[in-house]
PDB file of N, CA and C in Angstrom:
ATOM      1  N   MET A   1     228.849  48.279 113.945  1.00  0.00           N
ATOM      2  CA  MET A   1     228.328  48.950 112.676  1.00  0.00           C
ATOM      3  C   MET A   1     229.320  49.298 111.616  1.00  0.00           C
ATOM      4  N   SER A   2     228.795  49.298 110.507  1.00  0.00           N
ATOM      5  CA  SER A   2     229.795  49.517 109.408  1.00  0.00           C
ATOM      6  C   SER A   2     229.186  50.735 108.576  1.00  0.00           C
ATOM      7  N   ALA A   3     229.659  51.423 107.679  1.00  0.00           N
ATOM      8  CA  ALA A   3     229.445  52.308 106.828  1.00  0.00           C
ATOM      9  C   ALA A   3     229.272  51.878 105.310  1.00  0.00           C
ATOM     10  N   LYS A   4     228.252  52.110 104.631  1.00  0.00           N
ATOM     11  CA  LYS A   4     228.137  51.700 103.189  1.00  0.00           C
ATOM     12  C   LYS A   4     227.728  52.822 102.445  1.00  0.00           C
ATOM     13  N   GLN A   5     228.098  52.883 101.219  1.00  0.00           N
ATOM     14  CA  GLN A   5     227.650  54.074 100.413  1.00  0.00           C
ATOM     15  C   GLN A   5     226.690  53.680  99.563  1.00  0.00           C
ATOM     16  N   TYR A   6     225.611  54.375  99.255  1.00  0.00           N
ATOM     17  CA  TYR A   6     224.683  54.173  98.290  1.00  0.00           C
ATOM     18  C   TYR A   6     224.168  55.292  97.532  1.00  0.00           C
ATOM     19  N   LYS A   7     223.535  55.271  96.484  1.00  0.00           N
ATOM     20  CA  LYS A   7     222.972  56.198  95.546  1.00  0.00           C
ATOM     21  C   LYS A   7     221.606  56.527  96.163  1.00  0.00           C
ATOM     22  N   LYS A   8     221.245  57.804  95.919  1.00  0.00           N
ATOM     23  CA  LYS A   8     220.006  58.266  96.469  1.00  0.00           C
ATOM     24  C   LYS A   8     219.267  59.277  95.566  1.00  0.00           C
ATOM     25  N   LEU A   9     217.988  59.151  95.340  1.00  0.00           N
ATOM     26  CA  LEU A   9     217.233  60.091  94.533  1.00  0.00           C
ATOM     27  C   LEU A   9     215.851  60.111  94.962  1.00  0.00           C
ATOM     28  N   GLY A  10     215.247  61.205  94.892  1.00  0.00           N
ATOM     29  CA  GLY A  10     213.829  61.388  95.150  1.00  0.00           C
ATOM     30  C   GLY A  10     213.281  62.383  93.967  1.00  0.00           C
ATOM     31  N   CYS A  11     212.057  62.329  93.878  1.00  0.00           N
ATOM     32  CA  CYS A  11     211.234  63.063  92.829  1.00  0.00           C
ATOM     33  C   CYS A  11     211.423  64.571  93.156  1.00  0.00           C
ATOM     34  N   MET A  12     211.369  64.963  94.524  1.00  0.00           N
ATOM     35  CA  MET A  12     211.593  66.249  94.982  1.00  0.00           C
ATOM     36  C   MET A  12     213.132  66.883  94.637  1.00  0.00           C
ATOM     37  N   ASP A  13     213.985  65.813  94.374  1.00  0.00           N
ATOM     38  CA  ASP A  13     215.413  66.216  93.981  1.00  0.00           C
ATOM     39  C   ASP A  13     215.321  66.685  92.499  1.00  0.00           C
ATOM     40  N   VAL A  14     214.384  66.093  91.637  1.00  0.00           N
ATOM     41  CA  VAL A  14     214.274  66.216  90.373  1.00  0.00           C
ATOM     42  C   VAL A  14     213.145  67.378  89.942  1.00  0.00           C
ATOM     43  N   ASP A  15     212.124  67.542  90.677  1.00  0.00           N
ATOM     44  CA  ASP A  15     211.225  68.495  90.268  1.00  0.00           C
ATOM     45  C   ASP A  15     210.529  68.782  91.803  1.00  0.00           C
ATOM     46  N   PRO A  16     211.186  69.793  92.420  1.00  0.00           N
ATOM     47  CA  PRO A  16     210.769  70.246  93.763  1.00  0.00           C
ATOM     48  C   PRO A  16     209.198  70.844  93.858  1.00  0.00           C
ATOM     49  N   LYS A  17     208.799  71.193  92.922  1.00  0.00           N
ATOM     50  CA  LYS A  17     207.430  71.699  92.911  1.00  0.00           C
ATOM     51  C   LYS A  17     206.412  70.586  92.418  1.00  0.00           C
ATOM     52  N   GLY A  18     206.904  69.338  92.205  1.00  0.00           N
ATOM     53  CA  GLY A  18     205.986  68.281  91.717  1.00  0.00           C
ATOM     54  C   GLY A  18     205.171  67.705  92.984  1.00  0.00           C
ATOM     55  N   GLY A  19     205.593  67.842  94.196  1.00  0.00           N
ATOM     56  CA  GLY A  19     204.855  67.291  95.313  1.00  0.00           C
ATOM     57  C   GLY A  19     204.787  65.933  95.468  1.00  0.00           C
ATOM     58  N   CYS A  20     205.646  65.110  94.783  1.00  0.00           N
ATOM     59  CA  CYS A  20     205.787  63.724  95.100  1.00  0.00           C
ATOM     60  C   CYS A  20     206.986  63.485  96.124  1.00  0.00           C
ATOM     61  N   ALA A  21     206.701  62.533  97.039  1.00  0.00           N
ATOM     62  CA  ALA A  21     207.663  62.359  98.087  1.00  0.00           C
ATOM     63  C   ALA A  21     208.338  61.055  97.827  1.00  0.00           C
ATOM     64  N   PHE A  22     208.404  60.580  96.726  1.00  0.00           N
ATOM     65  CA  PHE A  22     209.081  59.095  96.468  1.00  0.00           C
ATOM     66  C   PHE A  22     210.539  59.474  96.669  1.00  0.00           C
ATOM     67  N   GLU A  23     211.281  58.277  97.338  1.00  0.00           N
ATOM     68  CA  GLU A  23     212.575  58.538  97.538  1.00  0.00           C
ATOM     69  C   GLU A  23     212.938  57.066  97.326  1.00  0.00           C
ATOM     70  N   VAL A  24     214.280  56.825  96.849  1.00  0.00           N
ATOM     71  CA  VAL A  24     214.675  55.399  96.693  1.00  0.00           C
ATOM     72  C   VAL A  24     216.348  55.462  96.865  1.00  0.00           C
ATOM     73  N   ARG A  25     216.892  54.255  97.553  1.00  0.00           N
ATOM     74  CA  ARG A  25     218.278  54.210  97.476  1.00  0.00           C
ATOM     75  C   ARG A  25     218.573  52.996  96.825  1.00  0.00           C
ATOM     76  N   ALA A  26     219.708  52.820  96.210  1.00  0.00           N
ATOM     77  CA  ALA A  26     220.247  51.626  95.522  1.00  0.00           C
ATOM     78  C   ALA A  26     221.813  51.702  95.672  1.00  0.00           C
ATOM     79  N   GLU A  27     222.329  50.531  95.201  1.00  0.00           N
ATOM     80  CA  GLU A  27     223.933  50.517  95.150  1.00  0.00           C
ATOM     81  C   GLU A  27     224.430  51.236  93.898  1.00  0.00           C
ATOM     82  N   THR A  28     223.767  51.187  92.726  1.00  0.00           N
ATOM     83  CA  THR A  28     224.278  51.764  91.471  1.00  0.00           C
ATOM     84  C   THR A  28     223.448  52.873  90.821  1.00  0.00           C
ATOM     85  N   ASP A  29     223.886  53.594  89.935  1.00  0.00           N
ATOM     86  CA  ASP A  29     223.144  54.550  89.329  1.00  0.00           C
ATOM     87  C   ASP A  29     222.175  53.634  88.367  1.00  0.00           C
ATOM     88  N   GLY A  30     222.603  52.672  87.736  1.00  0.00           N
ATOM     89  CA  GLY A  30     221.662  51.954  86.902  1.00  0.00           C
ATOM     90  C   GLY A  30     220.565  51.213  87.760  1.00  0.00           C
ATOM     91  N   GLU A  31     220.591  50.847  88.889  1.00  0.00           N
ATOM     92  CA  GLU A  31     219.495  50.359  89.605  1.00  0.00           C
ATOM     93  C   GLU A  31     218.654  51.664  90.069  1.00  0.00           C
ATOM     94  N   ILE A  32     219.218  52.731  90.354  1.00  0.00           N
ATOM     95  CA  ILE A  32     218.317  53.859  90.449  1.00  0.00           C
ATOM     96  C   ILE A  32     217.362  54.262  89.336  1.00  0.00           C
ATOM     97  N   MET A  33     218.234  54.323  88.475  1.00  0.00           N
ATOM     98  CA  MET A  33     217.547  54.548  87.145  1.00  0.00           C
ATOM     99  C   MET A  33     216.418  53.675  86.815  1.00  0.00           C
ATOM    100  N   ARG A  34     216.420  52.412  86.810  1.00  0.00           N
ATOM    101  CA  ARG A  34     215.521  51.378  86.837  1.00  0.00           C
ATOM    102  C   ARG A  34     214.334  51.542  87.815  1.00  0.00           C
ATOM    103  N   LEU A  35     214.618  51.820  89.009  1.00  0.00           N
ATOM    104  CA  LEU A  35     213.643  52.069  89.868  1.00  0.00           C
ATOM    105  C   LEU A  35     212.954  53.386  89.588  1.00  0.00           C
ATOM    106  N   VAL A  36     213.512  54.267  89.246  1.00  0.00           N
ATOM    107  CA  VAL A  36     212.862  55.592  88.956  1.00  0.00           C
ATOM    108  C   VAL A  36     212.006  55.359  87.663  1.00  0.00           C
ATOM    109  N   ALA A  37     212.361  54.469  86.722  1.00  0.00           N
ATOM    110  CA  ALA A  37     211.667  54.350  85.454  1.00  0.00           C
ATOM    111  C   ALA A  37     210.386  53.779  85.901  1.00  0.00           C
ATOM    112  N   ASP A  38     210.416  52.601  86.705  1.00  0.00           N
ATOM    113  CA  ASP A  38     209.384  51.964  87.178  1.00  0.00           C
ATOM    114  C   ASP A  38     208.229  52.768  88.109  1.00  0.00           C
ATOM    115  N   HIS A  39     208.803  53.642  88.816  1.00  0.00           N
ATOM    116  CA  HIS A  39     208.014  54.726  89.574  1.00  0.00           C
ATOM    117  C   HIS A  39     207.292  55.748  88.535  1.00  0.00           C
ATOM    118  N   GLY A  40     208.094  56.170  87.650  1.00  0.00           N
ATOM    119  CA  GLY A  40     207.525  57.129  86.627  1.00  0.00           C
ATOM    120  C   GLY A  40     206.396  56.526  85.814  1.00  0.00           C
ATOM    121  N   LYS A  41     206.654  55.132  85.667  1.00  0.00           N
ATOM    122  CA  LYS A  41     205.405  54.458  84.893  1.00  0.00           C
ATOM    123  C   LYS A  41     204.245  54.198  85.784  1.00  0.00           C
ATOM    124  N   MET A  42     204.452  53.719  86.947  1.00  0.00           N
ATOM    125  CA  MET A  42     203.329  53.309  87.793  1.00  0.00           C
ATOM    126  C   MET A  42     202.490  54.550  88.447  1.00  0.00           C
ATOM    127  N   VAL A  43     203.340  55.469  89.000  1.00  0.00           N
ATOM    128  CA  VAL A  43     202.752  56.519  89.510  1.00  0.00           C
ATOM    129  C   VAL A  43     202.197  57.840  88.669  1.00  0.00           C
ATOM    130  N   HIS A  44     203.432  57.974  87.728  1.00  0.00           N
ATOM    131  CA  HIS A  44     203.319  59.406  86.958  1.00  0.00           C
ATOM    132  C   HIS A  44     202.628  59.147  85.331  1.00  0.00           C
ATOM    133  N   LYS A  45     202.256  57.748  85.376  1.00  0.00           N
ATOM    134  CA  LYS A  45     201.964  57.340  83.854  1.00  0.00           C
ATOM    135  C   LYS A  45     202.721  57.886  82.937  1.00  0.00           C
ATOM    136  N   MET A  46     204.158  57.496  83.100  1.00  0.00           N
ATOM    137  CA  MET A  46     205.058  58.127  81.960  1.00  0.00           C
ATOM    138  C   MET A  46     205.291  56.545  81.355  1.00  0.00           C
ATOM    139  N   THR A  47     205.067  56.594  80.003  1.00  0.00           N
ATOM    140  CA  THR A  47     205.306  55.560  79.099  1.00  0.00           C
ATOM    141  C   THR A  47     206.939  55.274  78.816  1.00  0.00           C
ATOM    142  N   ALA A  48     207.562  56.383  78.920  1.00  0.00           N
ATOM    143  CA  ALA A  48     208.984  56.332  78.803  1.00  0.00           C
ATOM    144  C   ALA A  48     209.633  57.637  79.458  1.00  0.00           C
ATOM    145  N   ILE A  49     210.901  57.413  79.750  1.00  0.00           N
ATOM    146  CA  ILE A  49     211.737  58.845  80.402  1.00  0.00           C
ATOM    147  C   ILE A  49     212.411  59.592  79.188  1.00  0.00           C
ATOM    148  N   PRO A  50     211.766  60.663  78.807  1.00  0.00           N
ATOM    149  CA  PRO A  50     212.541  61.414  77.900  1.00  0.00           C
ATOM    150  C   PRO A  50     213.824  61.721  78.274  1.00  0.00           C
ATOM    151  N   PRO A  51     214.766  61.854  77.080  1.00  0.00           N
ATOM    152  CA  PRO A  51     216.219  61.918  77.343  1.00  0.00           C
ATOM    153  C   PRO A  51     216.562  63.349  78.262  1.00  0.00           C
ATOM    154  N   GLU A  52     215.831  64.441  78.072  1.00  0.00           N
ATOM    155  CA  GLU A  52     216.004  65.547  78.922  1.00  0.00           C
ATOM    156  C   GLU A  52     215.597  65.192  80.547  1.00  0.00           C
ATOM    157  N   MET A  53     214.663  64.425  80.729  1.00  0.00           N
ATOM    158  CA  MET A  53     214.340  64.010  82.032  1.00  0.00           C
ATOM    159  C   MET A  53     215.264  63.005  82.540  1.00  0.00           C
ATOM    160  N   ALA A  54     215.873  62.046  81.828  1.00  0.00           N
ATOM    161  CA  ALA A  54     216.666  61.200  82.354  1.00  0.00           C
ATOM    162  C   ALA A  54     218.100  61.944  82.569  1.00  0.00           C
ATOM    163  N   ALA A  55     218.403  62.990  81.818  1.00  0.00           N
ATOM    164  CA  ALA A  55     219.688  63.850  82.254  1.00  0.00           C
ATOM    165  C   ALA A  55     219.360  64.594  83.475  1.00  0.00           C
ATOM    166  N   LYS A  56     218.192  65.026  83.698  1.00  0.00           N
ATOM    167  CA  LYS A  56     217.947  65.613  85.125  1.00  0.00           C
ATOM    168  C   LYS A  56     217.858  64.689  86.271  1.00  0.00           C
ATOM    169  N   VAL A  57     217.547  63.339  85.905  1.00  0.00           N
ATOM    170  CA  VAL A  57     217.541  62.426  87.183  1.00  0.00           C
ATOM    171  C   VAL A  57     218.937  61.900  87.190  1.00  0.00           C
ATOM    172  N   LYS A  58     219.692  61.635  86.206  1.00  0.00           N
ATOM    173  CA  LYS A  58     221.143  61.641  86.572  1.00  0.00           C
ATOM    174  C   LYS A  58     221.852  62.508  87.334  1.00  0.00           C
ATOM    175  N   ALA A  59     221.741  63.653  86.793  1.00  0.00           N
ATOM    176  CA  ALA A  59     222.386  64.846  87.648  1.00  0.00           C
ATOM    177  C   ALA A  59     221.918  64.927  89.200  1.00  0.00           C
ATOM    178  N   ALA A  60     220.672  64.497  89.286  1.00  0.00           N
ATOM    179  CA  ALA A  60     220.249  64.654  90.890  1.00  0.00           C
ATOM    180  C   ALA A  60     220.568  63.524  91.742  1.00  0.00           C
ATOM    181  N   ILE A  61     221.207  62.450  91.354  1.00  0.00           N
ATOM    182  CA  ILE A  61     221.578  61.235  92.029  1.00  0.00           C
ATOM    183  C   ILE A  61     222.713  61.713  93.015  1.00  0.00           C
ATOM    184  N   LYS A  62     222.606  61.555  94.154  1.00  0.00           N
ATOM    185  CA  LYS A  62     223.435  61.608  95.129  1.00  0.00           C
ATOM    186  C   LYS A  62     223.996  60.360  95.870  1.00  0.00           C
ATOM    187  N   THR A  63     225.313  60.514  96.112  1.00  0.00           N
ATOM    188  CA  THR A  63     225.918  59.405  97.001  1.00  0.00           C
ATOM    189  C   THR A  63     225.656  59.713  98.774  1.00  0.00           C
ATOM    190  N   VAL A  64     225.162  58.800  99.223  1.00  0.00           N
ATOM    191  CA  VAL A  64     225.073  58.974 100.755  1.00  0.00           C
ATOM    192  C   VAL A  64     225.894  57.787 101.460  1.00  0.00           C
ATOM    193  N   THR A  65     226.188  57.974 102.682  1.00  0.00           N
ATOM    194  CA  THR A  65     226.685  56.961 103.533  1.00  0.00           C
ATOM    195  C   THR A  65     225.642  56.498 104.696  1.00  0.00           C
ATOM    196  N   VAL A  66     225.495  55.301 104.578  1.00  0.00           N
ATOM    197  CA  VAL A  66     224.677  54.611 105.577  1.00  0.00           C
ATOM    198  C   VAL A  66     225.254  53.845 106.706  1.00  0.00           C
ATOM    199  N   ASN A  67     224.940  53.841 107.954  1.00  0.00           N
ATOM    200  CA  ASN A  67     225.384  52.918 108.953  1.00  0.00           C
ATOM    201  C   ASN A  67     224.642  51.686 108.761  1.00  0.00           C
ATOM    202  N   VAL A  68     225.190  50.488 108.544  1.00  0.00           N
ATOM    203  CA  VAL A  68     224.534  49.219 108.511  1.00  0.00           C
ATOM    204  C   VAL A  68     224.902  48.155 109.623  1.00  0.00           C
TER     205      VAL A  68
END
């Protein structure tokens, strides 16, 4: 097994009171932002991510190590 680093984010990381259990892992911050934007549109009916929400999302992205 080898270890690989990923970026990780969940809705609860951005809004703990929101009740959404969505979590995603990706290789880059950009990929996380794209996946979060897709999730926001499909699940939370957001037409766009406002700048203040994008800043909260970026600040909440964590780097995790996964054994692959």
